[in-house]
Amino acid sequence: MQLPATREVACPRCDERTSVRVPREDAELNVRHSVAAFGEYTTVTCSNGHRYWVYFC
């Protein structure tokens, strides 16, 4: 069994680092302040309560 890949991303507001699961090891990550109408993404809330979106390319 293969474990899901994880990467660390920085909150765009406070730079707090958070680990997120990624769909594949070679995925490029794009951090956004707001959600877009399309694309594969996950919603993240840092320990300071800031919500942001990480898109997988």
N, C-alpha and C. Protein backbone atom coordinates (compact mmCIF):
# COMPACT_ATOMS: atom_id res chain seq x y z
N MET A 1 0.83 -1.18 0.00
CA MET A 1 0.00 0.00 0.00
C MET A 1 0.88 1.25 0.00
N GLN A 2 0.55 2.19 -0.88
CA GLN A 2 1.32 3.43 -0.98
C GLN A 2 0.64 4.51 -0.14
N LEU A 3 1.42 5.20 0.68
CA LEU A 3 0.89 6.28 1.50
C LEU A 3 0.70 7.53 0.64
N PRO A 4 -0.32 8.36 0.98
CA PRO A 4 -0.52 9.59 0.21
C PRO A 4 0.67 10.54 0.37
N ALA A 5 0.98 11.25 -0.69
CA ALA A 5 2.07 12.23 -0.65
C ALA A 5 1.60 13.47 0.10
N THR A 6 2.50 14.10 0.84
CA THR A 6 2.19 15.35 1.52
C THR A 6 3.29 16.36 1.21
N ARG A 7 2.92 17.63 1.26
CA ARG A 7 3.87 18.72 1.08
C ARG A 7 3.51 19.82 2.05
N GLU A 8 4.48 20.65 2.36
CA GLU A 8 4.23 21.82 3.20
C GLU A 8 4.00 23.03 2.33
N VAL A 9 3.00 23.83 2.72
CA VAL A 9 2.74 25.10 2.04
C VAL A 9 2.68 26.20 3.09
N ALA A 10 2.96 27.42 2.67
CA ALA A 10 2.93 28.57 3.58
C ALA A 10 1.63 29.34 3.39
N CYS A 11 1.02 29.74 4.48
CA CYS A 11 -0.17 30.58 4.44
C CYS A 11 0.19 31.90 3.75
N PRO A 12 -0.61 32.36 2.80
CA PRO A 12 -0.30 33.61 2.11
C PRO A 12 -0.44 34.85 2.98
N ARG A 13 -1.06 34.72 4.14
CA ARG A 13 -1.25 35.88 5.03
C ARG A 13 -0.20 35.96 6.13
N CYS A 14 0.16 34.80 6.72
CA CYS A 14 1.05 34.85 7.89
C CYS A 14 2.29 33.96 7.76
N ASP A 15 2.43 33.25 6.65
CA ASP A 15 3.56 32.34 6.39
C ASP A 15 3.62 31.12 7.31
N GLU A 16 2.55 30.83 8.05
CA GLU A 16 2.48 29.62 8.87
C GLU A 16 2.52 28.41 7.94
N ARG A 17 3.39 27.45 8.21
CA ARG A 17 3.54 26.26 7.36
C ARG A 17 2.51 25.20 7.75
N THR A 18 1.88 24.58 6.75
CA THR A 18 0.87 23.54 6.96
C THR A 18 1.13 22.41 5.97
N SER A 19 0.98 21.17 6.41
CA SER A 19 1.12 20.01 5.53
C SER A 19 -0.21 19.73 4.84
N VAL A 20 -0.16 19.47 3.53
CA VAL A 20 -1.35 19.13 2.77
C VAL A 20 -1.09 17.85 1.99
N ARG A 21 -2.13 17.07 1.80
CA ARG A 21 -2.02 15.88 0.94
C ARG A 21 -2.12 16.30 -0.50
N VAL A 22 -1.30 15.71 -1.33
CA VAL A 22 -1.31 16.01 -2.76
C VAL A 22 -1.68 14.74 -3.53
N PRO A 23 -2.35 14.87 -4.68
CA PRO A 23 -2.83 13.70 -5.41
C PRO A 23 -1.71 12.86 -6.02
N ARG A 24 -0.56 13.47 -6.27
CA ARG A 24 0.58 12.74 -6.82
C ARG A 24 1.86 13.47 -6.43
N GLU A 25 2.92 12.74 -6.35
CA GLU A 25 4.20 13.25 -5.88
C GLU A 25 4.73 14.41 -6.72
N ASP A 26 4.50 14.39 -8.03
CA ASP A 26 5.06 15.41 -8.91
C ASP A 26 4.14 16.61 -9.14
N ALA A 27 3.07 16.72 -8.39
CA ALA A 27 2.12 17.83 -8.56
C ALA A 27 2.76 19.16 -8.20
N GLU A 28 2.49 20.18 -9.03
CA GLU A 28 2.91 21.54 -8.72
C GLU A 28 1.80 22.18 -7.91
N LEU A 29 2.17 22.93 -6.86
CA LEU A 29 1.19 23.55 -5.99
C LEU A 29 1.10 25.04 -6.25
N ASN A 30 -0.12 25.56 -6.19
CA ASN A 30 -0.37 26.98 -6.40
C ASN A 30 -1.29 27.45 -5.28
N VAL A 31 -0.82 28.31 -4.39
CA VAL A 31 -1.59 28.80 -3.25
C VAL A 31 -2.36 30.04 -3.66
N ARG A 32 -3.67 30.08 -3.32
CA ARG A 32 -4.54 31.19 -3.68
C ARG A 32 -5.30 31.71 -2.46
N HIS A 33 -5.63 33.01 -2.49
CA HIS A 33 -6.45 33.62 -1.43
C HIS A 33 -7.93 33.29 -1.59
N SER A 34 -8.35 32.93 -2.80
CA SER A 34 -9.76 32.67 -3.05
C SER A 34 -9.93 31.44 -3.94
N VAL A 35 -11.13 30.88 -3.92
CA VAL A 35 -11.42 29.68 -4.68
C VAL A 35 -11.72 30.06 -6.14
N ALA A 36 -11.32 29.20 -7.07
CA ALA A 36 -11.59 29.42 -8.49
C ALA A 36 -12.73 28.52 -8.93
N ALA A 37 -13.27 28.78 -10.10
CA ALA A 37 -14.41 28.04 -10.61
C ALA A 37 -14.05 26.65 -11.10
N PHE A 38 -12.77 26.36 -11.31
CA PHE A 38 -12.37 25.06 -11.86
C PHE A 38 -11.01 24.67 -11.31
N GLY A 39 -10.66 23.41 -11.52
CA GLY A 39 -9.35 22.90 -11.10
C GLY A 39 -9.44 22.03 -9.86
N GLU A 40 -8.44 21.20 -9.70
CA GLU A 40 -8.35 20.32 -8.54
C GLU A 40 -7.64 21.06 -7.41
N TYR A 41 -8.27 21.08 -6.23
CA TYR A 41 -7.72 21.86 -5.12
C TYR A 41 -8.12 21.26 -3.77
N THR A 42 -7.52 21.78 -2.72
CA THR A 42 -7.91 21.48 -1.36
C THR A 42 -7.99 22.79 -0.59
N THR A 43 -8.86 22.84 0.40
CA THR A 43 -9.01 24.02 1.25
C THR A 43 -8.18 23.81 2.50
N VAL A 44 -7.43 24.82 2.90
CA VAL A 44 -6.54 24.73 4.05
C VAL A 44 -6.87 25.86 5.02
N THR A 45 -6.82 25.56 6.32
CA THR A 45 -6.92 26.58 7.35
C THR A 45 -5.69 26.44 8.23
N CYS A 46 -4.90 27.51 8.32
CA CYS A 46 -3.68 27.45 9.12
C CYS A 46 -4.03 27.55 10.61
N SER A 47 -3.05 27.39 11.46
CA SER A 47 -3.29 27.42 12.91
C SER A 47 -3.71 28.80 13.41
N ASN A 48 -3.53 29.83 12.57
CA ASN A 48 -3.97 31.19 12.93
C ASN A 48 -5.38 31.49 12.42
N GLY A 49 -6.04 30.49 11.82
CA GLY A 49 -7.42 30.64 11.37
C GLY A 49 -7.60 31.21 9.98
N HIS A 50 -6.52 31.39 9.23
CA HIS A 50 -6.62 31.91 7.86
C HIS A 50 -6.99 30.78 6.91
N ARG A 51 -7.97 30.99 6.06
CA ARG A 51 -8.40 29.99 5.09
C ARG A 51 -7.85 30.35 3.72
N TYR A 52 -7.32 29.34 3.01
CA TYR A 52 -6.82 29.54 1.66
C TYR A 52 -6.93 28.24 0.88
N TRP A 53 -6.68 28.31 -0.42
CA TRP A 53 -6.86 27.18 -1.31
C TRP A 53 -5.55 26.83 -1.98
N VAL A 54 -5.29 25.53 -2.09
CA VAL A 54 -4.08 25.03 -2.75
C VAL A 54 -4.53 24.23 -3.97
N TYR A 55 -4.10 24.70 -5.15
CA TYR A 55 -4.45 24.04 -6.41
C TYR A 55 -3.31 23.15 -6.85
N PHE A 56 -3.67 22.02 -7.49
CA PHE A 56 -2.70 21.04 -7.98
C PHE A 56 -2.63 21.14 -9.50
N CYS A 57 -1.44 21.34 -10.03
CA CYS A 57 -1.25 21.44 -11.48
C CYS A 57 -0.48 20.24 -11.97
